[in-house]
Amino acid sequence: MRQACIIKSCPAKLLLTTLQCLLSSIQSFFIAIALERDIHQWKLGWNVKLIAVAYTGIVVTGGTYYLQTWVIEKKGPVFLAMSTPTALVITIICSAILLGEAISLGSILGGILLVGGLYSVLWGKSKEQKMEKTSSIAQAEKETELKEEAASQSPPPPFFV
């Protein structure tokens, strides 16, 4: 909910994404220092570790934050919160295809429940938006009728010569 307010006051999505990534990096740095005290584990060489860190930092984190900001701006925070469980279903499918992991019955049932819950909330939200739109149109028509009625009942303004 806070992101929606911030997006309205700061419409530069890339700047907002950069600030969010910077503050997340600072927070993660302090947590990592507290959890991993061995200096040798912190060294990055020109190997897969460096590529993994760069890919995660640039593509995954930056791209994800930017897309999340875009979704909040276009559809609101409810749609972002409801799309998050879909990532679990995608992870289950990708781990089965790419890593050859077995999918259990619990994973399938959990995925079905997640998707069902997701679509029921999104369906309710779209119905709510339609009701708000029709009520605002009806209210605007009623206000217009009242103004026309008040204009027709009021005497004409005095005409000074």
N, C-alpha and C. Protein backbone atom coordinates (compact mmCIF):
# COMPACT_ATOMS: atom_id res chain seq x y z
N MET A 1 0.81 -1.18 0.00
CA MET A 1 0.00 0.00 0.00
C MET A 1 0.87 1.26 0.00
N ARG A 2 2.00 1.20 0.70
CA ARG A 2 2.87 2.37 0.74
C ARG A 2 3.47 2.65 -0.63
N GLN A 3 3.73 1.59 -1.41
CA GLN A 3 4.33 1.79 -2.71
C GLN A 3 3.40 2.59 -3.63
N ALA A 4 2.10 2.37 -3.52
CA ALA A 4 1.15 3.10 -4.36
C ALA A 4 1.22 4.60 -4.06
N CYS A 5 1.33 4.96 -2.78
CA CYS A 5 1.45 6.38 -2.41
C CYS A 5 2.78 6.96 -2.89
N ILE A 6 3.85 6.17 -2.77
CA ILE A 6 5.16 6.65 -3.19
C ILE A 6 5.21 6.85 -4.70
N ILE A 7 4.57 5.94 -5.44
CA ILE A 7 4.58 6.05 -6.90
C ILE A 7 3.85 7.31 -7.35
N LYS A 8 2.78 7.67 -6.64
CA LYS A 8 2.05 8.89 -7.00
C LYS A 8 2.88 10.14 -6.74
N SER A 9 3.67 10.13 -5.66
CA SER A 9 4.47 11.31 -5.35
C SER A 9 5.81 11.32 -6.09
N CYS A 10 6.30 10.16 -6.51
CA CYS A 10 7.58 10.06 -7.23
C CYS A 10 7.37 9.21 -8.48
N PRO A 11 6.92 9.82 -9.58
CA PRO A 11 6.57 9.03 -10.77
C PRO A 11 7.76 8.46 -11.54
N ALA A 12 8.99 8.81 -11.19
CA ALA A 12 10.16 8.29 -11.90
C ALA A 12 10.44 6.87 -11.42
N LYS A 13 9.94 5.89 -12.19
CA LYS A 13 10.02 4.50 -11.76
C LYS A 13 11.46 4.00 -11.67
N LEU A 14 12.32 4.41 -12.58
CA LEU A 14 13.71 3.94 -12.54
C LEU A 14 14.45 4.48 -11.32
N LEU A 15 14.19 5.72 -10.95
CA LEU A 15 14.81 6.29 -9.76
C LEU A 15 14.31 5.56 -8.52
N LEU A 16 13.02 5.30 -8.46
CA LEU A 16 12.45 4.59 -7.33
C LEU A 16 13.02 3.17 -7.24
N THR A 17 13.18 2.51 -8.38
CA THR A 17 13.76 1.17 -8.41
C THR A 17 15.20 1.19 -7.94
N THR A 18 15.97 2.18 -8.38
CA THR A 18 17.37 2.30 -7.97
C THR A 18 17.48 2.53 -6.46
N LEU A 19 16.66 3.40 -5.92
CA LEU A 19 16.70 3.65 -4.48
C LEU A 19 16.31 2.40 -3.69
N GLN A 20 15.30 1.69 -4.17
CA GLN A 20 14.86 0.48 -3.49
C GLN A 20 15.97 -0.58 -3.51
N CYS A 21 16.63 -0.73 -4.63
CA CYS A 21 17.74 -1.70 -4.73
C CYS A 21 18.91 -1.29 -3.84
N LEU A 22 19.23 0.01 -3.81
CA LEU A 22 20.33 0.49 -2.98
C LEU A 22 20.06 0.23 -1.49
N LEU A 23 18.87 0.58 -1.04
CA LEU A 23 18.55 0.37 0.37
C LEU A 23 18.48 -1.11 0.72
N SER A 24 17.99 -1.93 -0.20
CA SER A 24 17.97 -3.38 0.02
C SER A 24 19.38 -3.94 0.09
N SER A 25 20.28 -3.42 -0.74
CA SER A 25 21.68 -3.87 -0.72
C SER A 25 22.36 -3.53 0.60
N ILE A 26 22.11 -2.34 1.10
CA ILE A 26 22.70 -1.93 2.38
C ILE A 26 22.18 -2.82 3.51
N GLN A 27 20.89 -3.06 3.51
CA GLN A 27 20.30 -3.92 4.54
C GLN A 27 20.85 -5.35 4.43
N SER A 28 20.94 -5.88 3.23
CA SER A 28 21.46 -7.23 3.03
C SER A 28 22.92 -7.33 3.43
N PHE A 29 23.70 -6.27 3.19
CA PHE A 29 25.11 -6.25 3.57
C PHE A 29 25.27 -6.45 5.06
N PHE A 30 24.50 -5.70 5.85
CA PHE A 30 24.62 -5.81 7.30
C PHE A 30 24.14 -7.17 7.81
N ILE A 31 23.12 -7.73 7.22
CA ILE A 31 22.66 -9.06 7.61
C ILE A 31 23.73 -10.10 7.26
N ALA A 32 24.32 -9.96 6.06
CA ALA A 32 25.35 -10.91 5.64
C ALA A 32 26.58 -10.84 6.54
N ILE A 33 26.97 -9.64 6.94
CA ILE A 33 28.12 -9.50 7.85
C ILE A 33 27.83 -10.20 9.17
N ALA A 34 26.61 -10.07 9.65
CA ALA A 34 26.26 -10.70 10.92
C ALA A 34 26.24 -12.22 10.81
N LEU A 35 25.85 -12.75 9.66
CA LEU A 35 25.72 -14.20 9.51
C LEU A 35 26.99 -14.89 9.02
N GLU A 36 27.78 -14.24 8.18
CA GLU A 36 28.98 -14.86 7.62
C GLU A 36 30.20 -14.02 7.99
N ARG A 37 30.98 -14.50 8.94
CA ARG A 37 32.12 -13.73 9.44
C ARG A 37 33.44 -14.15 8.80
N ASP A 38 33.44 -15.20 8.00
CA ASP A 38 34.66 -15.66 7.35
C ASP A 38 34.96 -14.78 6.14
N ILE A 39 36.09 -14.08 6.17
CA ILE A 39 36.46 -13.15 5.10
C ILE A 39 36.66 -13.86 3.78
N HIS A 40 37.12 -15.09 3.80
CA HIS A 40 37.41 -15.83 2.57
C HIS A 40 36.13 -16.15 1.78
N GLN A 41 35.01 -16.22 2.46
CA GLN A 41 33.74 -16.47 1.77
C GLN A 41 33.25 -15.24 1.01
N TRP A 42 33.79 -14.07 1.34
CA TRP A 42 33.35 -12.83 0.72
C TRP A 42 34.08 -12.54 -0.59
N LYS A 43 35.16 -13.24 -0.86
CA LYS A 43 35.95 -12.96 -2.06
C LYS A 43 35.24 -13.47 -3.30
N LEU A 44 35.16 -12.60 -4.30
CA LEU A 44 34.59 -12.97 -5.59
C LEU A 44 35.70 -12.98 -6.62
N GLY A 45 35.85 -14.08 -7.29
CA GLY A 45 36.84 -14.17 -8.36
C GLY A 45 36.12 -14.13 -9.70
N TRP A 46 36.88 -14.26 -10.77
CA TRP A 46 36.29 -14.28 -12.11
C TRP A 46 35.80 -15.69 -12.40
N ASN A 47 34.71 -16.06 -11.74
CA ASN A 47 34.15 -17.40 -11.91
C ASN A 47 32.62 -17.33 -11.87
N VAL A 48 32.02 -18.46 -11.63
CA VAL A 48 30.56 -18.54 -11.65
C VAL A 48 29.93 -17.73 -10.52
N LYS A 49 30.62 -17.61 -9.39
CA LYS A 49 30.09 -16.82 -8.27
C LYS A 49 29.85 -15.37 -8.69
N LEU A 50 30.80 -14.79 -9.39
CA LEU A 50 30.67 -13.41 -9.84
C LEU A 50 29.51 -13.26 -10.82
N ILE A 51 29.40 -14.19 -11.75
CA ILE A 51 28.31 -14.14 -12.72
C ILE A 51 26.96 -14.28 -12.02
N ALA A 52 26.88 -15.17 -11.04
CA ALA A 52 25.63 -15.38 -10.30
C ALA A 52 25.23 -14.13 -9.52
N VAL A 53 26.20 -13.50 -8.88
CA VAL A 53 25.91 -12.29 -8.11
C VAL A 53 25.47 -11.15 -9.04
N ALA A 54 26.18 -10.98 -10.15
CA ALA A 54 25.84 -9.91 -11.09
C ALA A 54 24.46 -10.14 -11.71
N TYR A 55 24.19 -11.37 -12.12
CA TYR A 55 22.89 -11.68 -12.72
C TYR A 55 21.76 -11.45 -11.72
N THR A 56 21.95 -11.93 -10.50
CA THR A 56 20.91 -11.76 -9.48
C THR A 56 20.70 -10.28 -9.16
N GLY A 57 21.78 -9.55 -9.03
CA GLY A 57 21.66 -8.14 -8.67
C GLY A 57 21.08 -7.28 -9.76
N ILE A 58 21.50 -7.51 -10.98
CA ILE A 58 21.08 -6.63 -12.08
C ILE A 58 19.76 -7.08 -12.69
N VAL A 59 19.73 -8.28 -13.17
CA VAL A 59 18.57 -8.74 -13.93
C VAL A 59 17.38 -9.06 -13.02
N VAL A 60 17.62 -9.94 -12.05
CA VAL A 60 16.50 -10.41 -11.24
C VAL A 60 15.96 -9.30 -10.34
N THR A 61 16.82 -8.72 -9.52
CA THR A 61 16.34 -7.72 -8.56
C THR A 61 15.87 -6.45 -9.25
N GLY A 62 16.71 -5.88 -10.11
CA GLY A 62 16.33 -4.65 -10.79
C GLY A 62 15.10 -4.82 -11.67
N GLY A 63 15.09 -5.87 -12.46
CA GLY A 63 13.94 -6.12 -13.34
C GLY A 63 12.66 -6.38 -12.56
N THR A 64 12.78 -7.16 -11.48
CA THR A 64 11.60 -7.46 -10.67
C THR A 64 11.04 -6.21 -10.01
N TYR A 65 11.89 -5.40 -9.42
CA TYR A 65 11.40 -4.18 -8.78
C TYR A 65 10.75 -3.24 -9.80
N TYR A 66 11.35 -3.13 -10.97
CA TYR A 66 10.78 -2.27 -12.00
C TYR A 66 9.40 -2.78 -12.43
N LEU A 67 9.28 -4.08 -12.66
CA LEU A 67 7.98 -4.64 -13.06
C LEU A 67 6.95 -4.53 -11.95
N GLN A 68 7.37 -4.71 -10.70
CA GLN A 68 6.43 -4.55 -9.59
C GLN A 68 5.92 -3.12 -9.51
N THR A 69 6.80 -2.16 -9.69
CA THR A 69 6.39 -0.76 -9.68
C THR A 69 5.43 -0.47 -10.81
N TRP A 70 5.69 -1.03 -11.97
CA TRP A 70 4.81 -0.83 -13.13
C TRP A 70 3.42 -1.43 -12.87
N VAL A 71 3.36 -2.62 -12.28
CA VAL A 71 2.07 -3.26 -11.99
C VAL A 71 1.30 -2.44 -10.97
N ILE A 72 1.97 -1.95 -9.94
CA ILE A 72 1.29 -1.14 -8.92
C ILE A 72 0.74 0.12 -9.54
N GLU A 73 1.51 0.74 -10.44
CA GLU A 73 1.06 1.97 -11.08
C GLU A 73 -0.16 1.71 -11.97
N LYS A 74 -0.16 0.60 -12.71
CA LYS A 74 -1.23 0.33 -13.67
C LYS A 74 -2.48 -0.25 -13.02
N LYS A 75 -2.30 -1.23 -12.11
CA LYS A 75 -3.45 -1.97 -11.58
C LYS A 75 -3.66 -1.83 -10.09
N GLY A 76 -2.67 -1.35 -9.36
CA GLY A 76 -2.81 -1.21 -7.91
C GLY A 76 -2.09 -2.32 -7.16
N PRO A 77 -1.94 -2.13 -5.84
CA PRO A 77 -1.18 -3.08 -5.04
C PRO A 77 -1.85 -4.44 -4.88
N VAL A 78 -3.17 -4.52 -5.02
CA VAL A 78 -3.85 -5.80 -4.86
C VAL A 78 -3.42 -6.78 -5.95
N PHE A 79 -3.31 -6.31 -7.17
CA PHE A 79 -2.92 -7.18 -8.27
C PHE A 79 -1.49 -7.68 -8.10
N LEU A 80 -0.61 -6.86 -7.58
CA LEU A 80 0.76 -7.32 -7.33
C LEU A 80 0.78 -8.37 -6.24
N ALA A 81 0.07 -8.12 -5.16
CA ALA A 81 0.04 -9.08 -4.05
C ALA A 81 -0.58 -10.40 -4.48
N MET A 82 -1.54 -10.37 -5.35
CA MET A 82 -2.20 -11.60 -5.78
C MET A 82 -1.40 -12.33 -6.86
N SER A 83 -0.51 -11.65 -7.54
CA SER A 83 0.29 -12.34 -8.56
C SER A 83 1.52 -13.02 -7.96
N THR A 84 1.87 -12.68 -6.75
CA THR A 84 3.04 -13.26 -6.11
C THR A 84 2.92 -14.78 -5.93
N PRO A 85 1.76 -15.34 -5.52
CA PRO A 85 1.68 -16.80 -5.40
C PRO A 85 1.88 -17.54 -6.73
N THR A 86 1.66 -16.86 -7.83
CA THR A 86 1.87 -17.49 -9.12
C THR A 86 3.34 -17.87 -9.31
N ALA A 87 4.25 -17.13 -8.69
CA ALA A 87 5.68 -17.44 -8.78
C ALA A 87 5.98 -18.81 -8.20
N LEU A 88 5.26 -19.21 -7.15
CA LEU A 88 5.46 -20.53 -6.57
C LEU A 88 5.07 -21.62 -7.57
N VAL A 89 3.96 -21.44 -8.25
CA VAL A 89 3.51 -22.42 -9.24
C VAL A 89 4.52 -22.50 -10.38
N ILE A 90 5.00 -21.36 -10.85
CA ILE A 90 5.99 -21.34 -11.93
C ILE A 90 7.29 -22.03 -11.48
N THR A 91 7.68 -21.80 -10.23
CA THR A 91 8.88 -22.44 -9.70
C THR A 91 8.73 -23.96 -9.67
N ILE A 92 7.58 -24.44 -9.27
CA ILE A 92 7.34 -25.88 -9.23
C ILE A 92 7.44 -26.47 -10.64
N ILE A 93 6.84 -25.81 -11.60
CA ILE A 93 6.86 -26.31 -12.98
C ILE A 93 8.28 -26.28 -13.54
N CYS A 94 8.99 -25.16 -13.34
CA CYS A 94 10.35 -25.05 -13.87
C CYS A 94 11.31 -26.03 -13.20
N SER A 95 11.15 -26.27 -11.90
CA SER A 95 12.04 -27.22 -11.24
C SER A 95 11.80 -28.64 -11.74
N ALA A 96 10.56 -28.94 -12.12
CA ALA A 96 10.28 -30.26 -12.68
C ALA A 96 10.87 -30.39 -14.08
N ILE A 97 10.75 -29.35 -14.88
CA ILE A 97 11.22 -29.41 -16.27
C ILE A 97 12.74 -29.29 -16.35
N LEU A 98 13.31 -28.28 -15.69
CA LEU A 98 14.73 -28.00 -15.83
C LEU A 98 15.62 -28.85 -14.93
N LEU A 99 15.16 -29.15 -13.72
CA LEU A 99 16.00 -29.88 -12.77
C LEU A 99 15.60 -31.34 -12.62
N GLY A 100 14.49 -31.72 -13.21
CA GLY A 100 14.05 -33.10 -13.15
C GLY A 100 13.52 -33.52 -11.79
N GLU A 101 13.06 -32.56 -10.98
CA GLU A 101 12.51 -32.91 -9.67
C GLU A 101 11.11 -33.49 -9.83
N ALA A 102 10.76 -34.37 -8.93
CA ALA A 102 9.43 -34.98 -8.95
C ALA A 102 8.42 -34.02 -8.34
N ILE A 103 7.27 -33.93 -8.96
CA ILE A 103 6.19 -33.09 -8.43
C ILE A 103 5.27 -33.98 -7.62
N SER A 104 5.04 -33.60 -6.37
CA SER A 104 4.19 -34.40 -5.49
C SER A 104 2.73 -33.97 -5.64
N LEU A 105 1.85 -34.81 -5.15
CA LEU A 105 0.42 -34.51 -5.19
C LEU A 105 0.12 -33.25 -4.38
N GLY A 106 0.83 -33.06 -3.27
CA GLY A 106 0.64 -31.86 -2.45
C GLY A 106 1.01 -30.60 -3.20
N SER A 107 2.05 -30.66 -4.02
CA SER A 107 2.44 -29.50 -4.82
C SER A 107 1.36 -29.17 -5.85
N ILE A 108 0.82 -30.21 -6.47
CA ILE A 108 -0.23 -29.98 -7.47
C ILE A 108 -1.48 -29.40 -6.83
N LEU A 109 -1.91 -30.00 -5.71
CA LEU A 109 -3.11 -29.48 -5.03
C LEU A 109 -2.87 -28.07 -4.50
N GLY A 110 -1.69 -27.83 -3.95
CA GLY A 110 -1.37 -26.48 -3.47
C GLY A 110 -1.37 -25.47 -4.60
N GLY A 111 -0.82 -25.85 -5.76
CA GLY A 111 -0.84 -24.96 -6.92
C GLY A 111 -2.24 -24.65 -7.39
N ILE A 112 -3.10 -25.68 -7.41
CA ILE A 112 -4.50 -25.48 -7.82
C ILE A 112 -5.20 -24.54 -6.85
N LEU A 113 -4.99 -24.74 -5.55
CA LEU A 113 -5.62 -23.85 -4.55
C LEU A 113 -5.10 -22.42 -4.68
N LEU A 114 -3.80 -22.27 -4.90
CA LEU A 114 -3.24 -20.92 -5.06
C LEU A 114 -3.83 -20.21 -6.28
N VAL A 115 -3.88 -20.90 -7.40
CA VAL A 115 -4.41 -20.28 -8.61
C VAL A 115 -5.90 -19.99 -8.45
N GLY A 116 -6.64 -20.91 -7.83
CA GLY A 116 -8.07 -20.67 -7.59
C GLY A 116 -8.31 -19.47 -6.70
N GLY A 117 -7.53 -19.38 -5.61
CA GLY A 117 -7.66 -18.22 -4.73
C GLY A 117 -7.27 -16.93 -5.41
N LEU A 118 -6.21 -17.00 -6.21
CA LEU A 118 -5.76 -15.82 -6.95
C LEU A 118 -6.85 -15.30 -7.87
N TYR A 119 -7.43 -16.18 -8.66
CA TYR A 119 -8.44 -15.74 -9.60
C TYR A 119 -9.73 -15.31 -8.91
N SER A 120 -10.08 -15.90 -7.78
CA SER A 120 -11.28 -15.46 -7.09
C SER A 120 -11.11 -14.04 -6.53
N VAL A 121 -9.92 -13.74 -6.00
CA VAL A 121 -9.68 -12.38 -5.50
C VAL A 121 -9.65 -11.38 -6.65
N LEU A 122 -8.99 -11.73 -7.75
CA LEU A 122 -8.94 -10.82 -8.89
C LEU A 122 -10.33 -10.62 -9.50
N TRP A 123 -11.14 -11.68 -9.53
CA TRP A 123 -12.51 -11.57 -10.04
C TRP A 123 -13.31 -10.62 -9.16
N GLY A 124 -13.19 -10.77 -7.84
CA GLY A 124 -13.89 -9.88 -6.91
C GLY A 124 -13.43 -8.45 -7.04
N LYS A 125 -12.14 -8.24 -7.23
CA LYS A 125 -11.60 -6.89 -7.37
C LYS A 125 -12.10 -6.24 -8.66
N SER A 126 -12.17 -7.01 -9.75
CA SER A 126 -12.67 -6.43 -11.00
C SER A 126 -14.16 -6.09 -10.88
N LYS A 127 -14.94 -6.93 -10.18
CA LYS A 127 -16.36 -6.62 -9.94
C LYS A 127 -16.50 -5.35 -9.11
N GLU A 128 -15.64 -5.21 -8.11
CA GLU A 128 -15.66 -4.02 -7.25
C GLU A 128 -15.36 -2.76 -8.06
N GLN A 129 -14.37 -2.85 -8.96
CA GLN A 129 -14.03 -1.70 -9.78
C GLN A 129 -15.17 -1.33 -10.73
N LYS A 130 -15.86 -2.35 -11.28
CA LYS A 130 -17.00 -2.08 -12.16
C LYS A 130 -18.13 -1.41 -11.39
N MET A 131 -18.37 -1.87 -10.15
CA MET A 131 -19.43 -1.26 -9.33
C MET A 131 -19.09 0.18 -8.98
N GLU A 132 -17.83 0.44 -8.66
CA GLU A 132 -17.41 1.81 -8.35
C GLU A 132 -17.57 2.71 -9.57
N LYS A 133 -17.24 2.18 -10.74
CA LYS A 133 -17.35 2.96 -11.97
C LYS A 133 -18.81 3.30 -12.27
N THR A 134 -19.71 2.31 -12.15
CA THR A 134 -21.12 2.57 -12.44
C THR A 134 -21.73 3.48 -11.39
N SER A 135 -21.34 3.35 -10.12
CA SER A 135 -21.89 4.24 -9.10
C SER A 135 -21.39 5.67 -9.28
N SER A 136 -20.16 5.84 -9.72
CA SER A 136 -19.66 7.20 -9.95
C SER A 136 -20.35 7.83 -11.16
N ILE A 137 -20.67 7.03 -12.18
CA ILE A 137 -21.40 7.55 -13.35
C ILE A 137 -22.80 7.94 -12.93
N ALA A 138 -23.48 7.09 -12.14
CA ALA A 138 -24.84 7.41 -11.69
C ALA A 138 -24.84 8.64 -10.81
N GLN A 139 -23.83 8.80 -9.96
CA GLN A 139 -23.75 9.97 -9.10
C GLN A 139 -23.52 11.23 -9.93
N ALA A 140 -22.70 11.16 -10.95
CA ALA A 140 -22.46 12.31 -11.81
C ALA A 140 -23.72 12.70 -12.56
N GLU A 141 -24.49 11.71 -13.03
CA GLU A 141 -25.75 12.00 -13.72
C GLU A 141 -26.74 12.64 -12.76
N LYS A 142 -26.81 12.17 -11.52
CA LYS A 142 -27.73 12.73 -10.54
C LYS A 142 -27.35 14.18 -10.22
N GLU A 143 -26.05 14.45 -10.09
CA GLU A 143 -25.60 15.82 -9.83
C GLU A 143 -25.95 16.74 -11.00
N THR A 144 -25.81 16.24 -12.22
CA THR A 144 -26.15 17.03 -13.40
C THR A 144 -27.63 17.34 -13.42
N GLU A 145 -28.48 16.35 -13.11
CA GLU A 145 -29.91 16.57 -13.07
C GLU A 145 -30.29 17.60 -12.02
N LEU A 146 -29.66 17.53 -10.83
CA LEU A 146 -29.94 18.49 -9.77
C LEU A 146 -29.54 19.90 -10.18
N LYS A 147 -28.42 20.04 -10.86
CA LYS A 147 -27.99 21.36 -11.31
C LYS A 147 -28.94 21.92 -12.35
N GLU A 148 -29.38 21.06 -13.28
CA GLU A 148 -30.33 21.51 -14.30
C GLU A 148 -31.65 21.90 -13.68
N GLU A 149 -32.10 21.12 -12.68
CA GLU A 149 -33.36 21.43 -12.00
C GLU A 149 -33.26 22.73 -11.23
N ALA A 150 -32.13 22.95 -10.56
CA ALA A 150 -31.93 24.19 -9.81
C ALA A 150 -31.84 25.38 -10.75
N ALA A 151 -31.23 25.19 -11.91
CA ALA A 151 -31.13 26.29 -12.88
C ALA A 151 -32.48 26.63 -13.47
N SER A 152 -33.33 25.64 -13.67
CA SER A 152 -34.65 25.92 -14.26
C SER A 152 -35.59 26.54 -13.24
N GLN A 153 -35.42 26.31 -11.95
CA GLN A 153 -36.31 26.87 -10.92
C GLN A 153 -35.88 28.25 -10.47
N SER A 154 -34.65 28.60 -10.61
CA SER A 154 -34.21 29.89 -10.14
C SER A 154 -34.66 30.98 -11.12
N PRO A 155 -35.07 32.15 -10.57
CA PRO A 155 -35.49 33.24 -11.47
C PRO A 155 -34.30 33.79 -12.24
N PRO A 156 -34.56 34.35 -13.39
CA PRO A 156 -33.46 34.89 -14.17
C PRO A 156 -32.82 36.06 -13.42
N PRO A 157 -31.57 36.27 -13.61
CA PRO A 157 -30.89 37.38 -12.93
C PRO A 157 -31.44 38.71 -13.42
N PRO A 158 -31.48 39.69 -12.52
CA PRO A 158 -31.99 41.01 -12.94
C PRO A 158 -31.09 41.60 -14.03
N PHE A 159 -31.74 42.26 -14.92
CA PHE A 159 -31.02 42.84 -16.04
C PHE A 159 -30.97 44.34 -15.87
N PHE A 160 -29.80 44.87 -15.67
CA PHE A 160 -29.63 46.33 -15.47
C PHE A 160 -29.27 46.96 -16.80
N VAL A 161 -29.92 48.07 -17.04
CA VAL A 161 -29.65 48.78 -18.28
C VAL A 161 -28.82 49.99 -18.04
